[in-house]
Amino acid sequence: MPVTRDVIVDLLPLYLSDEASPDTRVLVQEHLDNDPNLAQLAAQWKTRLPEPPPAPVNPEAQAMAYQEAKRQITNRVITLAAVIAIGTILVAGTALVGAMFLLAG
């Protein structure tokens, strides 16, 4: 079965975004060389492709995000330690009061 123009149009997004395999690139390029209207359509689509992803965050912003995450982790650790300490004190106090009643009775 010959490759139709519709198949090439379906492959154009992969071709234009450089995600097509080498064989597909050759196939599409051959059709573009032989079909000026399709080549013009490809050129129009190429100008409408989305922008590449933004550049990585600058080092200052990364440092600030790191410091904020570090602060939040520290706060969580302190809170957890306080809850464990209070729980331990309550359990020990309850055990002590219970022991006093047992010894007194």
C-alpha atoms as a PDB file:
ATOM      1  CA  MET A   1       0.000   0.000   0.000  1.00  0.00           C
ATOM      2  CA  PRO A   2       1.487   3.358  -0.944  1.00  0.00           C
ATOM      3  CA  VAL A   3       1.909   6.011   1.709  1.00  0.00           C
ATOM      4  CA  THR A   4      -0.751   8.658   1.187  1.00  0.00           C
ATOM      5  CA  ARG A   5      -0.605  12.369   1.826  1.00  0.00           C
ATOM      6  CA  ASP A   6      -2.915  11.890   4.817  1.00  0.00           C
ATOM      7  CA  VAL A   7      -0.412   9.539   6.438  1.00  0.00           C
ATOM      8  CA  ILE A   8       2.349  12.110   5.945  1.00  0.00           C
ATOM      9  CA  VAL A   9       0.127  14.825   7.445  1.00  0.00           C
ATOM     10  CA  ASP A  10      -0.422  12.544  10.456  1.00  0.00           C
ATOM     11  CA  LEU A  11       3.358  12.126  10.808  1.00  0.00           C
ATOM     12  CA  LEU A  12       4.187  15.827  10.445  1.00  0.00           C
ATOM     13  CA  PRO A  13       3.919  16.694  14.164  1.00  0.00           C
ATOM     14  CA  LEU A  14       6.461  13.980  15.019  1.00  0.00           C
ATOM     15  CA  TYR A  15       8.689  15.069  12.156  1.00  0.00           C
ATOM     16  CA  LEU A  16       8.531  18.764  13.053  1.00  0.00           C
ATOM     17  CA  SER A  17       9.233  18.153  16.746  1.00  0.00           C
ATOM     18  CA  ASP A  18      12.244  15.928  15.914  1.00  0.00           C
ATOM     19  CA  GLU A  19      10.637  12.937  17.625  1.00  0.00           C
ATOM     20  CA  ALA A  20      10.252  10.772  14.506  1.00  0.00           C
ATOM     21  CA  SER A  21      12.502   7.824  13.802  1.00  0.00           C
ATOM     22  CA  PRO A  22      15.182   8.241  11.116  1.00  0.00           C
ATOM     23  CA  ASP A  23      13.149   6.144   8.638  1.00  0.00           C
ATOM     24  CA  THR A  24      10.045   8.235   9.236  1.00  0.00           C
ATOM     25  CA  ARG A  25      12.071  11.428   8.818  1.00  0.00           C
ATOM     26  CA  VAL A  26      13.339  10.212   5.416  1.00  0.00           C
ATOM     27  CA  LEU A  27       9.828   9.230   4.331  1.00  0.00           C
ATOM     28  CA  VAL A  28       8.307  12.571   5.331  1.00  0.00           C
ATOM     29  CA  GLN A  29      11.202  14.562   3.843  1.00  0.00           C
ATOM     30  CA  GLU A  30      10.783  12.768   0.485  1.00  0.00           C
ATOM     31  CA  HIS A  31       7.108  13.690   0.424  1.00  0.00           C
ATOM     32  CA  LEU A  32       7.861  17.283   1.388  1.00  0.00           C
ATOM     33  CA  ASP A  33      10.406  17.507  -1.442  1.00  0.00           C
ATOM     34  CA  ASN A  34       7.781  16.304  -3.943  1.00  0.00           C
ATOM     35  CA  ASP A  35       4.760  18.228  -2.604  1.00  0.00           C
ATOM     36  CA  PRO A  36       5.318  22.005  -2.336  1.00  0.00           C
ATOM     37  CA  ASN A  37       1.877  22.571  -0.794  1.00  0.00           C
ATOM     38  CA  LEU A  38       2.612  20.074   1.944  1.00  0.00           C
ATOM     39  CA  ALA A  39       6.049  21.629   2.461  1.00  0.00           C
ATOM     40  CA  GLN A  40       4.382  25.016   2.902  1.00  0.00           C
ATOM     41  CA  LEU A  41       1.927  23.514   5.398  1.00  0.00           C
ATOM     42  CA  ALA A  42       4.857  21.997   7.303  1.00  0.00           C
ATOM     43  CA  ALA A  43       6.605  25.381   7.398  1.00  0.00           C
ATOM     44  CA  GLN A  44       3.447  26.995   8.803  1.00  0.00           C
ATOM     45  CA  TRP A  45       3.098  24.299  11.433  1.00  0.00           C
ATOM     46  CA  LYS A  46       6.760  24.621  12.375  1.00  0.00           C
ATOM     47  CA  THR A  47       6.188  28.277  13.324  1.00  0.00           C
ATOM     48  CA  ARG A  48       3.230  27.279  15.519  1.00  0.00           C
ATOM     49  CA  LEU A  49       4.992  24.635  17.582  1.00  0.00           C
ATOM     50  CA  PRO A  50       4.972  25.303  21.314  1.00  0.00           C
ATOM     51  CA  GLU A  51       7.928  27.001  22.899  1.00  0.00           C
ATOM     52  CA  PRO A  52      10.536  24.774  24.480  1.00  0.00           C
ATOM     53  CA  PRO A  53      10.204  24.362  28.242  1.00  0.00           C
ATOM     54  CA  PRO A  54      11.463  27.256  30.338  1.00  0.00           C
ATOM     55  CA  ALA A  55      15.035  27.350  31.547  1.00  0.00           C
ATOM     56  CA  PRO A  56      15.737  25.875  34.963  1.00  0.00           C
ATOM     57  CA  VAL A  57      15.076  28.015  38.002  1.00  0.00           C
ATOM     58  CA  ASN A  58      17.920  30.342  38.890  1.00  0.00           C
ATOM     59  CA  PRO A  59      20.268  29.302  41.738  1.00  0.00           C
ATOM     60  CA  GLU A  60      18.942  31.961  44.122  1.00  0.00           C
ATOM     61  CA  ALA A  61      15.381  30.679  43.800  1.00  0.00           C
ATOM     62  CA  GLN A  62      16.613  27.114  44.273  1.00  0.00           C
ATOM     63  CA  ALA A  63      18.478  28.130  47.429  1.00  0.00           C
ATOM     64  CA  MET A  64      15.395  29.887  48.800  1.00  0.00           C
ATOM     65  CA  ALA A  65      13.212  26.849  48.074  1.00  0.00           C
ATOM     66  CA  TYR A  66      15.762  24.592  49.770  1.00  0.00           C
ATOM     67  CA  GLN A  67      15.888  26.817  52.869  1.00  0.00           C
ATOM     68  CA  GLU A  68      12.077  26.892  53.073  1.00  0.00           C
ATOM     69  CA  ALA A  69      11.849  23.103  52.781  1.00  0.00           C
ATOM     70  CA  LYS A  70      14.559  22.725  55.420  1.00  0.00           C
ATOM     71  CA  ARG A  71      12.666  25.078  57.774  1.00  0.00           C
ATOM     72  CA  GLN A  72       9.420  23.144  57.314  1.00  0.00           C
ATOM     73  CA  ILE A  73      11.136  19.810  57.997  1.00  0.00           C
ATOM     74  CA  THR A  74      12.766  21.236  61.145  1.00  0.00           C
ATOM     75  CA  ASN A  75       9.391  22.515  62.384  1.00  0.00           C
ATOM     76  CA  ARG A  76       7.790  19.112  61.785  1.00  0.00           C
ATOM     77  CA  VAL A  77      10.585  17.305  63.630  1.00  0.00           C
ATOM     78  CA  ILE A  78      10.309  19.684  66.603  1.00  0.00           C
ATOM     79  CA  THR A  79       6.522  19.285  66.704  1.00  0.00           C
ATOM     80  CA  LEU A  80       6.781  15.502  66.539  1.00  0.00           C
ATOM     81  CA  ALA A  81       9.401  15.460  69.307  1.00  0.00           C
ATOM     82  CA  ALA A  82       7.180  17.651  71.495  1.00  0.00           C
ATOM     83  CA  VAL A  83       4.158  15.392  70.941  1.00  0.00           C
ATOM     84  CA  ILE A  84       6.216  12.307  71.803  1.00  0.00           C
ATOM     85  CA  ALA A  85       7.648  13.978  74.919  1.00  0.00           C
ATOM     86  CA  ILE A  86       4.220  15.103  76.148  1.00  0.00           C
ATOM     87  CA  GLY A  87       2.765  11.665  75.460  1.00  0.00           C
ATOM     88  CA  THR A  88       5.597  10.001  77.345  1.00  0.00           C
ATOM     89  CA  ILE A  89       5.139  12.327  80.318  1.00  0.00           C
ATOM     90  CA  LEU A  90       1.385  11.674  80.377  1.00  0.00           C
ATOM     91  CA  VAL A  91       1.841   7.900  80.227  1.00  0.00           C
ATOM     92  CA  ALA A  92       4.541   7.978  82.911  1.00  0.00           C
ATOM     93  CA  GLY A  93       2.414  10.231  85.116  1.00  0.00           C
ATOM     94  CA  THR A  94      -0.609   7.993  84.723  1.00  0.00           C
ATOM     95  CA  ALA A  95       1.498   4.941  85.563  1.00  0.00           C
ATOM     96  CA  LEU A  96       2.905   6.696  88.631  1.00  0.00           C
ATOM     97  CA  VAL A  97      -0.537   7.703  89.887  1.00  0.00           C
ATOM     98  CA  GLY A  98      -1.804   4.174  89.299  1.00  0.00           C
ATOM     99  CA  ALA A  99       1.151   2.709  91.172  1.00  0.00           C
ATOM    100  CA  MET A 100       0.522   5.065  94.093  1.00  0.00           C
ATOM    101  CA  PHE A 101      -3.125   3.918  94.331  1.00  0.00           C
ATOM    102  CA  LEU A 102      -2.083   0.288  94.187  1.00  0.00           C
ATOM    103  CA  LEU A 103       0.508   0.747  96.920  1.00  0.00           C
ATOM    104  CA  ALA A 104      -1.834   2.821  99.080  1.00  0.00           C
ATOM    105  CA  GLY A 105      -4.685   0.361  98.814  1.00  0.00           C
END
